[in-house]
Amino acid sequence: MASIKNLKKDINYTLGDIIEECYVWELLNPKEDTAKSEAIIDEAIATFDGLLDNVHAKNIENKKSHFKNISKNLEIKAKELIQKVNSL
C-alpha cells in the first residue's frame, strides 16, 4: 500500500465508475425500469461510506494489514457490483 491517499482515490474512482455505468445504462434504456440500477447505486454508495469509515478508523493495531483488508474488500465488493450491472 503506497498511501492512504491512494486507497481513498481507488475507492472513490472504482465505485464512482460503477455508479456512472448505472447512469449510462439508464440513459441507454429509457423504457426499462430503473429500480434495479438505483438499488445498485444505493449499494455502491453504502459500500463507499463503509469503506471510508474503515479507512478513518482509529486505534488500529496493525495498520498495514488493516488497509490491505480494506483494499481486498473493495475488490470483492466491486466485482459483485459489476456483476449486478452486467446483469441489467
PDB file of N, CA and C in Angstrom:
ATOM      1  N   MET A   1       0.852  -1.163   0.000  1.00  0.00           N
ATOM      2  CA  MET A   1       0.000   0.000   0.000  1.00  0.00           C
ATOM      3  C   MET A   1       0.898   1.226   0.000  1.00  0.00           C
ATOM      4  N   ALA A   2       0.756   2.019  -1.044  1.00  0.00           N
ATOM      5  CA  ALA A   2       1.600   3.197  -1.178  1.00  0.00           C
ATOM      6  C   ALA A   2       1.210   4.277  -0.173  1.00  0.00           C
ATOM      7  N   SER A   3      -0.098   4.537  -0.085  1.00  0.00           N
ATOM      8  CA  SER A   3      -0.531   5.546   0.865  1.00  0.00           C
ATOM      9  C   SER A   3      -2.039   5.447   1.083  1.00  0.00           C
ATOM     10  N   ILE A   4      -2.465   6.040   2.161  1.00  0.00           N
ATOM     11  CA  ILE A   4      -3.895   6.084   2.462  1.00  0.00           C
ATOM     12  C   ILE A   4      -4.601   6.956   1.427  1.00  0.00           C
ATOM     13  N   LYS A   5      -3.925   7.991   0.980  1.00  0.00           N
ATOM     14  CA  LYS A   5      -4.493   8.888  -0.022  1.00  0.00           C
ATOM     15  C   LYS A   5      -4.832   8.117  -1.300  1.00  0.00           C
ATOM     16  N   ASN A   6      -3.928   7.235  -1.738  1.00  0.00           N
ATOM     17  CA  ASN A   6      -4.183   6.447  -2.946  1.00  0.00           C
ATOM     18  C   ASN A   6      -5.302   5.440  -2.726  1.00  0.00           C
ATOM     19  N   LEU A   7      -5.407   4.895  -1.526  1.00  0.00           N
ATOM     20  CA  LEU A   7      -6.501   3.970  -1.223  1.00  0.00           C
ATOM     21  C   LEU A   7      -7.845   4.692  -1.316  1.00  0.00           C
ATOM     22  N   LYS A   8      -7.908   5.898  -0.778  1.00  0.00           N
ATOM     23  CA  LYS A   8      -9.135   6.691  -0.857  1.00  0.00           C
ATOM     24  C   LYS A   8      -9.497   6.993  -2.317  1.00  0.00           C
ATOM     25  N   LYS A   9      -8.490   7.306  -3.132  1.00  0.00           N
ATOM     26  CA  LYS A   9      -8.734   7.573  -4.546  1.00  0.00           C
ATOM     27  C   LYS A   9      -9.244   6.316  -5.248  1.00  0.00           C
ATOM     28  N   ASP A  10      -8.656   5.163  -4.926  1.00  0.00           N
ATOM     29  CA  ASP A  10      -9.103   3.903  -5.525  1.00  0.00           C
ATOM     30  C   ASP A  10     -10.562   3.631  -5.190  1.00  0.00           C
ATOM     31  N   ILE A  11     -10.919   3.836  -3.937  1.00  0.00           N
ATOM     32  CA  ILE A  11     -12.307   3.624  -3.512  1.00  0.00           C
ATOM     33  C   ILE A  11     -13.229   4.564  -4.281  1.00  0.00           C
ATOM     34  N   ASN A  12     -12.861   5.829  -4.342  1.00  0.00           N
ATOM     35  CA  ASN A  12     -13.687   6.837  -4.998  1.00  0.00           C
ATOM     36  C   ASN A  12     -13.838   6.547  -6.492  1.00  0.00           C
ATOM     37  N   TYR A  13     -12.739   6.292  -7.183  1.00  0.00           N
ATOM     38  CA  TYR A  13     -12.790   6.088  -8.625  1.00  0.00           C
ATOM     39  C   TYR A  13     -13.499   4.786  -8.989  1.00  0.00           C
ATOM     40  N   THR A  14     -13.222   3.725  -8.252  1.00  0.00           N
ATOM     41  CA  THR A  14     -13.823   2.426  -8.568  1.00  0.00           C
ATOM     42  C   THR A  14     -15.335   2.469  -8.408  1.00  0.00           C
ATOM     43  N   LEU A  15     -15.792   2.918  -7.269  1.00  0.00           N
ATOM     44  CA  LEU A  15     -17.231   2.948  -7.030  1.00  0.00           C
ATOM     45  C   LEU A  15     -17.909   4.040  -7.853  1.00  0.00           C
ATOM     46  N   GLY A  16     -17.206   5.123  -8.122  1.00  0.00           N
ATOM     47  CA  GLY A  16     -17.738   6.168  -8.987  1.00  0.00           C
ATOM     48  C   GLY A  16     -17.956   5.668 -10.410  1.00  0.00           C
ATOM     49  N   ASP A  17     -17.039   4.854 -10.912  1.00  0.00           N
ATOM     50  CA  ASP A  17     -17.195   4.286 -12.252  1.00  0.00           C
ATOM     51  C   ASP A  17     -18.381   3.334 -12.318  1.00  0.00           C
ATOM     52  N   ILE A  18     -18.597   2.576 -11.262  1.00  0.00           N
ATOM     53  CA  ILE A  18     -19.735   1.652 -11.228  1.00  0.00           C
ATOM     54  C   ILE A  18     -21.050   2.445 -11.240  1.00  0.00           C
ATOM     55  N   ILE A  19     -21.105   3.501 -10.459  1.00  0.00           N
ATOM     56  CA  ILE A  19     -22.304   4.352 -10.436  1.00  0.00           C
ATOM     57  C   ILE A  19     -22.520   4.985 -11.816  1.00  0.00           C
ATOM     58  N   GLU A  20     -21.448   5.431 -12.434  1.00  0.00           N
ATOM     59  CA  GLU A  20     -21.552   6.030 -13.762  1.00  0.00           C
ATOM     60  C   GLU A  20     -22.089   5.020 -14.777  1.00  0.00           C
ATOM     61  N   GLU A  21     -21.662   3.771 -14.687  1.00  0.00           N
ATOM     62  CA  GLU A  21     -22.172   2.735 -15.590  1.00  0.00           C
ATOM     63  C   GLU A  21     -23.681   2.543 -15.417  1.00  0.00           C
ATOM     64  N   CYS A  22     -24.148   2.635 -14.192  1.00  0.00           N
ATOM     65  CA  CYS A  22     -25.588   2.530 -13.944  1.00  0.00           C
ATOM     66  C   CYS A  22     -26.336   3.680 -14.614  1.00  0.00           C
ATOM     67  N   TYR A  23     -25.804   4.879 -14.504  1.00  0.00           N
ATOM     68  CA  TYR A  23     -26.446   6.029 -15.136  1.00  0.00           C
ATOM     69  C   TYR A  23     -26.430   5.903 -16.665  1.00  0.00           C
ATOM     70  N   VAL A  24     -25.332   5.408 -17.220  1.00  0.00           N
ATOM     71  CA  VAL A  24     -25.253   5.208 -18.662  1.00  0.00           C
ATOM     72  C   VAL A  24     -26.292   4.180 -19.098  1.00  0.00           C
ATOM     73  N   TRP A  25     -26.420   3.099 -18.332  1.00  0.00           N
ATOM     74  CA  TRP A  25     -27.426   2.082 -18.660  1.00  0.00           C
ATOM     75  C   TRP A  25     -28.825   2.693 -18.637  1.00  0.00           C
ATOM     76  N   GLU A  26     -29.096   3.528 -17.650  1.00  0.00           N
ATOM     77  CA  GLU A  26     -30.410   4.169 -17.566  1.00  0.00           C
ATOM     78  C   GLU A  26     -30.660   5.076 -18.773  1.00  0.00           C
ATOM     79  N   LEU A  27     -29.625   5.780 -19.227  1.00  0.00           N
ATOM     80  CA  LEU A  27     -29.791   6.651 -20.394  1.00  0.00           C
ATOM     81  C   LEU A  27     -29.993   5.852 -21.683  1.00  0.00           C
ATOM     82  N   LEU A  28     -29.306   4.724 -21.790  1.00  0.00           N
ATOM     83  CA  LEU A  28     -29.415   3.911 -22.997  1.00  0.00           C
ATOM     84  C   LEU A  28     -30.688   3.067 -23.035  1.00  0.00           C
ATOM     85  N   ASN A  29     -31.311   2.876 -21.898  1.00  0.00           N
ATOM     86  CA  ASN A  29     -32.529   2.068 -21.799  1.00  0.00           C
ATOM     87  C   ASN A  29     -33.628   2.869 -21.097  1.00  0.00           C
ATOM     88  N   PRO A  30     -34.143   3.905 -21.749  1.00  0.00           N
ATOM     89  CA  PRO A  30     -35.107   4.778 -21.064  1.00  0.00           C
ATOM     90  C   PRO A  30     -36.445   4.114 -20.747  1.00  0.00           C
ATOM     91  N   LYS A  31     -36.788   3.053 -21.466  1.00  0.00           N
ATOM     92  CA  LYS A  31     -38.071   2.405 -21.227  1.00  0.00           C
ATOM     93  C   LYS A  31     -38.009   1.321 -20.163  1.00  0.00           C
ATOM     94  N   GLU A  32     -36.810   0.963 -19.741  1.00  0.00           N
ATOM     95  CA  GLU A  32     -36.636  -0.070 -18.721  1.00  0.00           C
ATOM     96  C   GLU A  32     -36.904   0.506 -17.329  1.00  0.00           C
ATOM     97  N   ASP A  33     -37.257  -0.378 -16.420  1.00  0.00           N
ATOM     98  CA  ASP A  33     -37.470   0.016 -15.027  1.00  0.00           C
ATOM     99  C   ASP A  33     -36.106   0.285 -14.382  1.00  0.00           C
ATOM    100  N   THR A  34     -35.971   1.412 -13.725  1.00  0.00           N
ATOM    101  CA  THR A  34     -34.679   1.797 -13.151  1.00  0.00           C
ATOM    102  C   THR A  34     -34.521   1.382 -11.691  1.00  0.00           C
ATOM    103  N   ALA A  35     -35.445   0.602 -11.168  1.00  0.00           N
ATOM    104  CA  ALA A  35     -35.371   0.223  -9.754  1.00  0.00           C
ATOM    105  C   ALA A  35     -34.113  -0.596  -9.470  1.00  0.00           C
ATOM    106  N   LYS A  36     -33.750  -1.494 -10.365  1.00  0.00           N
ATOM    107  CA  LYS A  36     -32.561  -2.329 -10.138  1.00  0.00           C
ATOM    108  C   LYS A  36     -31.280  -1.499 -10.192  1.00  0.00           C
ATOM    109  N   SER A  37     -31.200  -0.592 -11.156  1.00  0.00           N
ATOM    110  CA  SER A  37     -29.991   0.224 -11.257  1.00  0.00           C
ATOM    111  C   SER A  37     -29.881   1.191 -10.080  1.00  0.00           C
ATOM    112  N   GLU A  38     -31.007   1.704  -9.614  1.00  0.00           N
ATOM    113  CA  GLU A  38     -30.982   2.575  -8.445  1.00  0.00           C
ATOM    114  C   GLU A  38     -30.566   1.819  -7.192  1.00  0.00           C
ATOM    115  N   ALA A  39     -30.968   0.555  -7.105  1.00  0.00           N
ATOM    116  CA  ALA A  39     -30.556  -0.274  -5.968  1.00  0.00           C
ATOM    117  C   ALA A  39     -29.044  -0.510  -6.000  1.00  0.00           C
ATOM    118  N   ILE A  40     -28.486  -0.692  -7.189  1.00  0.00           N
ATOM    119  CA  ILE A  40     -27.036  -0.875  -7.325  1.00  0.00           C
ATOM    120  C   ILE A  40     -26.315   0.404  -6.924  1.00  0.00           C
ATOM    121  N   ILE A  41     -26.852   1.547  -7.331  1.00  0.00           N
ATOM    122  CA  ILE A  41     -26.253   2.834  -6.972  1.00  0.00           C
ATOM    123  C   ILE A  41     -26.279   3.020  -5.447  1.00  0.00           C
ATOM    124  N   ASP A  42     -27.411   2.702  -4.834  1.00  0.00           N
ATOM    125  CA  ASP A  42     -27.517   2.828  -3.375  1.00  0.00           C
ATOM    126  C   ASP A  42     -26.527   1.906  -2.669  1.00  0.00           C
ATOM    127  N   GLU A  43     -26.366   0.696  -3.207  1.00  0.00           N
ATOM    128  CA  GLU A  43     -25.421  -0.255  -2.614  1.00  0.00           C
ATOM    129  C   GLU A  43     -23.981   0.241  -2.775  1.00  0.00           C
ATOM    130  N   ALA A  44     -23.667   0.838  -3.915  1.00  0.00           N
ATOM    131  CA  ALA A  44     -22.324   1.382  -4.139  1.00  0.00           C
ATOM    132  C   ALA A  44     -22.042   2.534  -3.182  1.00  0.00           C
ATOM    133  N   ILE A  45     -23.032   3.373  -2.951  1.00  0.00           N
ATOM    134  CA  ILE A  45     -22.848   4.495  -2.021  1.00  0.00           C
ATOM    135  C   ILE A  45     -22.667   3.987  -0.594  1.00  0.00           C
ATOM    136  N   ALA A  46     -23.440   2.989  -0.213  1.00  0.00           N
ATOM    137  CA  ALA A  46     -23.299   2.413   1.126  1.00  0.00           C
ATOM    138  C   ALA A  46     -21.929   1.761   1.285  1.00  0.00           C
ATOM    139  N   THR A  47     -21.459   1.098   0.239  1.00  0.00           N
ATOM    140  CA  THR A  47     -20.129   0.483   0.272  1.00  0.00           C
ATOM    141  C   THR A  47     -19.062   1.557   0.415  1.00  0.00           C
ATOM    142  N   PHE A  48     -19.207   2.644  -0.321  1.00  0.00           N
ATOM    143  CA  PHE A  48     -18.268   3.761  -0.251  1.00  0.00           C
ATOM    144  C   PHE A  48     -18.186   4.303   1.169  1.00  0.00           C
ATOM    145  N   ASP A  49     -19.346   4.545   1.764  1.00  0.00           N
ATOM    146  CA  ASP A  49     -19.382   5.075   3.134  1.00  0.00           C
ATOM    147  C   ASP A  49     -18.740   4.099   4.119  1.00  0.00           C
ATOM    148  N   GLY A  50     -19.044   2.810   3.974  1.00  0.00           N
ATOM    149  CA  GLY A  50     -18.494   1.809   4.886  1.00  0.00           C
ATOM    150  C   GLY A  50     -16.987   1.685   4.767  1.00  0.00           C
ATOM    151  N   LEU A  51     -16.483   1.695   3.530  1.00  0.00           N
ATOM    152  CA  LEU A  51     -15.038   1.570   3.339  1.00  0.00           C
ATOM    153  C   LEU A  51     -14.299   2.800   3.861  1.00  0.00           C
ATOM    154  N   LEU A  52     -14.860   3.982   3.633  1.00  0.00           N
ATOM    155  CA  LEU A  52     -14.194   5.178   4.145  1.00  0.00           C
ATOM    156  C   LEU A  52     -14.250   5.243   5.667  1.00  0.00           C
ATOM    157  N   ASP A  53     -15.317   4.728   6.262  1.00  0.00           N
ATOM    158  CA  ASP A  53     -15.356   4.648   7.726  1.00  0.00           C
ATOM    159  C   ASP A  53     -14.239   3.739   8.231  1.00  0.00           C
ATOM    160  N   ASN A  54     -13.998   2.646   7.521  1.00  0.00           N
ATOM    161  CA  ASN A  54     -12.910   1.740   7.901  1.00  0.00           C
ATOM    162  C   ASN A  54     -11.546   2.397   7.710  1.00  0.00           C
ATOM    163  N   VAL A  55     -11.392   3.194   6.668  1.00  0.00           N
ATOM    164  CA  VAL A  55     -10.118   3.886   6.435  1.00  0.00           C
ATOM    165  C   VAL A  55      -9.840   4.862   7.572  1.00  0.00           C
ATOM    166  N   HIS A  56     -10.883   5.531   8.051  1.00  0.00           N
ATOM    167  CA  HIS A  56     -10.711   6.542   9.094  1.00  0.00           C
ATOM    168  C   HIS A  56     -10.797   5.978  10.513  1.00  0.00           C
ATOM    169  N   ALA A  57     -10.842   4.664  10.642  1.00  0.00           N
ATOM    170  CA  ALA A  57     -10.927   4.055  11.969  1.00  0.00           C
ATOM    171  C   ALA A  57      -9.660   4.348  12.773  1.00  0.00           C
ATOM    172  N   LYS A  58      -9.849   4.561  14.038  1.00  0.00           N
ATOM    173  CA  LYS A  58      -8.726   4.857  14.934  1.00  0.00           C
ATOM    174  C   LYS A  58      -8.387   3.609  15.755  1.00  0.00           C
ATOM    175  N   ASN A  59      -7.258   3.670  16.438  1.00  0.00           N
ATOM    176  CA  ASN A  59      -6.807   2.611  17.343  1.00  0.00           C
ATOM    177  C   ASN A  59      -6.669   1.261  16.639  1.00  0.00           C
ATOM    178  N   ILE A  60      -6.026   1.265  15.488  1.00  0.00           N
ATOM    179  CA  ILE A  60      -5.754   0.041  14.746  1.00  0.00           C
ATOM    180  C   ILE A  60      -4.387  -0.472  15.157  1.00  0.00           C
ATOM    181  N   GLU A  61      -4.325  -1.755  15.522  1.00  0.00           N
ATOM    182  CA  GLU A  61      -3.050  -2.318  15.972  1.00  0.00           C
ATOM    183  C   GLU A  61      -2.081  -2.515  14.810  1.00  0.00           C
ATOM    184  N   ASN A  62      -2.533  -3.195  13.755  1.00  0.00           N
ATOM    185  CA  ASN A  62      -1.677  -3.464  12.614  1.00  0.00           C
ATOM    186  C   ASN A  62      -2.242  -2.730  11.401  1.00  0.00           C
ATOM    187  N   LYS A  63      -1.733  -1.535  11.154  1.00  0.00           N
ATOM    188  CA  LYS A  63      -2.289  -0.684  10.106  1.00  0.00           C
ATOM    189  C   LYS A  63      -2.103  -1.289   8.718  1.00  0.00           C
ATOM    190  N   LYS A  64      -0.960  -1.899   8.489  1.00  0.00           N
ATOM    191  CA  LYS A  64      -0.679  -2.441   7.159  1.00  0.00           C
ATOM    192  C   LYS A  64      -1.699  -3.513   6.778  1.00  0.00           C
ATOM    193  N   SER A  65      -1.963  -4.441   7.662  1.00  0.00           N
ATOM    194  CA  SER A  65      -2.934  -5.493   7.355  1.00  0.00           C
ATOM    195  C   SER A  65      -4.354  -4.938   7.308  1.00  0.00           C
ATOM    196  N   HIS A  66      -4.629  -3.932   8.114  1.00  0.00           N
ATOM    197  CA  HIS A  66      -5.955  -3.292   8.111  1.00  0.00           C
ATOM    198  C   HIS A  66      -6.251  -2.674   6.739  1.00  0.00           C
ATOM    199  N   PHE A  67      -5.283  -1.938   6.189  1.00  0.00           N
ATOM    200  CA  PHE A  67      -5.500  -1.288   4.904  1.00  0.00           C
ATOM    201  C   PHE A  67      -5.490  -2.287   3.750  1.00  0.00           C
ATOM    202  N   LYS A  68      -4.713  -3.360   3.873  1.00  0.00           N
ATOM    203  CA  LYS A  68      -4.767  -4.410   2.854  1.00  0.00           C
ATOM    204  C   LYS A  68      -6.133  -5.073   2.855  1.00  0.00           C
ATOM    205  N   ASN A  69      -6.698  -5.261   4.022  1.00  0.00           N
ATOM    206  CA  ASN A  69      -8.024  -5.853   4.146  1.00  0.00           C
ATOM    207  C   ASN A  69      -9.085  -4.947   3.511  1.00  0.00           C
ATOM    208  N   ILE A  70      -8.961  -3.659   3.706  1.00  0.00           N
ATOM    209  CA  ILE A  70      -9.890  -2.705   3.086  1.00  0.00           C
ATOM    210  C   ILE A  70      -9.781  -2.792   1.569  1.00  0.00           C
ATOM    211  N   SER A  71      -8.559  -2.882   1.066  1.00  0.00           N
ATOM    212  CA  SER A  71      -8.344  -2.983  -0.374  1.00  0.00           C
ATOM    213  C   SER A  71      -8.962  -4.271  -0.934  1.00  0.00           C
ATOM    214  N   LYS A  72      -8.824  -5.371  -0.212  1.00  0.00           N
ATOM    215  CA  LYS A  72      -9.427  -6.637  -0.639  1.00  0.00           C
ATOM    216  C   LYS A  72     -10.951  -6.533  -0.628  1.00  0.00           C
ATOM    217  N   ASN A  73     -11.495  -5.913   0.407  1.00  0.00           N
ATOM    218  CA  ASN A  73     -12.949  -5.737   0.487  1.00  0.00           C
ATOM    219  C   ASN A  73     -13.463  -4.895  -0.671  1.00  0.00           C
ATOM    220  N   LEU A  74     -12.708  -3.867  -1.050  1.00  0.00           N
ATOM    221  CA  LEU A  74     -13.088  -3.034  -2.190  1.00  0.00           C
ATOM    222  C   LEU A  74     -13.133  -3.870  -3.456  1.00  0.00           C
ATOM    223  N   GLU A  75     -12.121  -4.685  -3.665  1.00  0.00           N
ATOM    224  CA  GLU A  75     -12.064  -5.512  -4.872  1.00  0.00           C
ATOM    225  C   GLU A  75     -13.223  -6.505  -4.926  1.00  0.00           C
ATOM    226  N   ILE A  76     -13.509  -7.147  -3.811  1.00  0.00           N
ATOM    227  CA  ILE A  76     -14.598  -8.129  -3.754  1.00  0.00           C
ATOM    228  C   ILE A  76     -15.938  -7.456  -4.015  1.00  0.00           C
ATOM    229  N   LYS A  77     -16.185  -6.355  -3.343  1.00  0.00           N
ATOM    230  CA  LYS A  77     -17.467  -5.664  -3.484  1.00  0.00           C
ATOM    231  C   LYS A  77     -17.628  -5.071  -4.886  1.00  0.00           C
ATOM    232  N   ALA A  78     -16.537  -4.565  -5.462  1.00  0.00           N
ATOM    233  CA  ALA A  78     -16.602  -4.000  -6.802  1.00  0.00           C
ATOM    234  C   ALA A  78     -16.955  -5.086  -7.821  1.00  0.00           C
ATOM    235  N   LYS A  79     -16.383  -6.276  -7.668  1.00  0.00           N
ATOM    236  CA  LYS A  79     -16.704  -7.377  -8.578  1.00  0.00           C
ATOM    237  C   LYS A  79     -18.170  -7.757  -8.470  1.00  0.00           C
ATOM    238  N   GLU A  80     -18.694  -7.794  -7.251  1.00  0.00           N
ATOM    239  CA  GLU A  80     -20.113  -8.112  -7.061  1.00  0.00           C
ATOM    240  C   GLU A  80     -21.004  -7.068  -7.726  1.00  0.00           C
ATOM    241  N   LEU A  81     -20.668  -5.806  -7.551  1.00  0.00           N
ATOM    242  CA  LEU A  81     -21.473  -4.737  -8.139  1.00  0.00           C
ATOM    243  C   LEU A  81     -21.388  -4.750  -9.669  1.00  0.00           C
ATOM    244  N   ILE A  82     -20.225  -5.044 -10.208  1.00  0.00           N
ATOM    245  CA  ILE A  82     -20.064  -5.101 -11.659  1.00  0.00           C
ATOM    246  C   ILE A  82     -20.887  -6.244 -12.238  1.00  0.00           C
ATOM    247  N   GLN A  83     -20.931  -7.376 -11.541  1.00  0.00           N
ATOM    248  CA  GLN A  83     -21.766  -8.482 -11.998  1.00  0.00           C
ATOM    249  C   GLN A  83     -23.244  -8.078 -12.022  1.00  0.00           C
ATOM    250  N   LYS A  84     -23.649  -7.318 -11.019  1.00  0.00           N
ATOM    251  CA  LYS A  84     -25.040  -6.850 -10.989  1.00  0.00           C
ATOM    252  C   LYS A  84     -25.329  -5.883 -12.132  1.00  0.00           C
ATOM    253  N   VAL A  85     -24.369  -5.001 -12.426  1.00  0.00           N
ATOM    254  CA  VAL A  85     -24.552  -4.058 -13.525  1.00  0.00           C
ATOM    255  C   VAL A  85     -24.612  -4.818 -14.850  1.00  0.00           C
ATOM    256  N   ASN A  86     -23.776  -5.809 -15.022  1.00  0.00           N
ATOM    257  CA  ASN A  86     -23.780  -6.585 -16.254  1.00  0.00           C
ATOM    258  C   ASN A  86     -25.060  -7.382 -16.441  1.00  0.00           C
ATOM    259  N   SER A  87     -25.733  -7.704 -15.353  1.00  0.00           N
ATOM    260  CA  SER A  87     -26.961  -8.486 -15.463  1.00  0.00           C
ATOM    261  C   SER A  87     -28.199  -7.625 -15.742  1.00  0.00           C
ATOM    262  N   LEU A  88     -28.026  -6.301 -15.782  1.00  0.00           N
ATOM    263  CA  LEU A  88     -29.165  -5.418 -16.056  1.00  0.00           C
ATOM    264  C   LEU A  88     -29.709  -5.633 -17.430  1.00  0.00           C
TER     265      LEU A  88
END
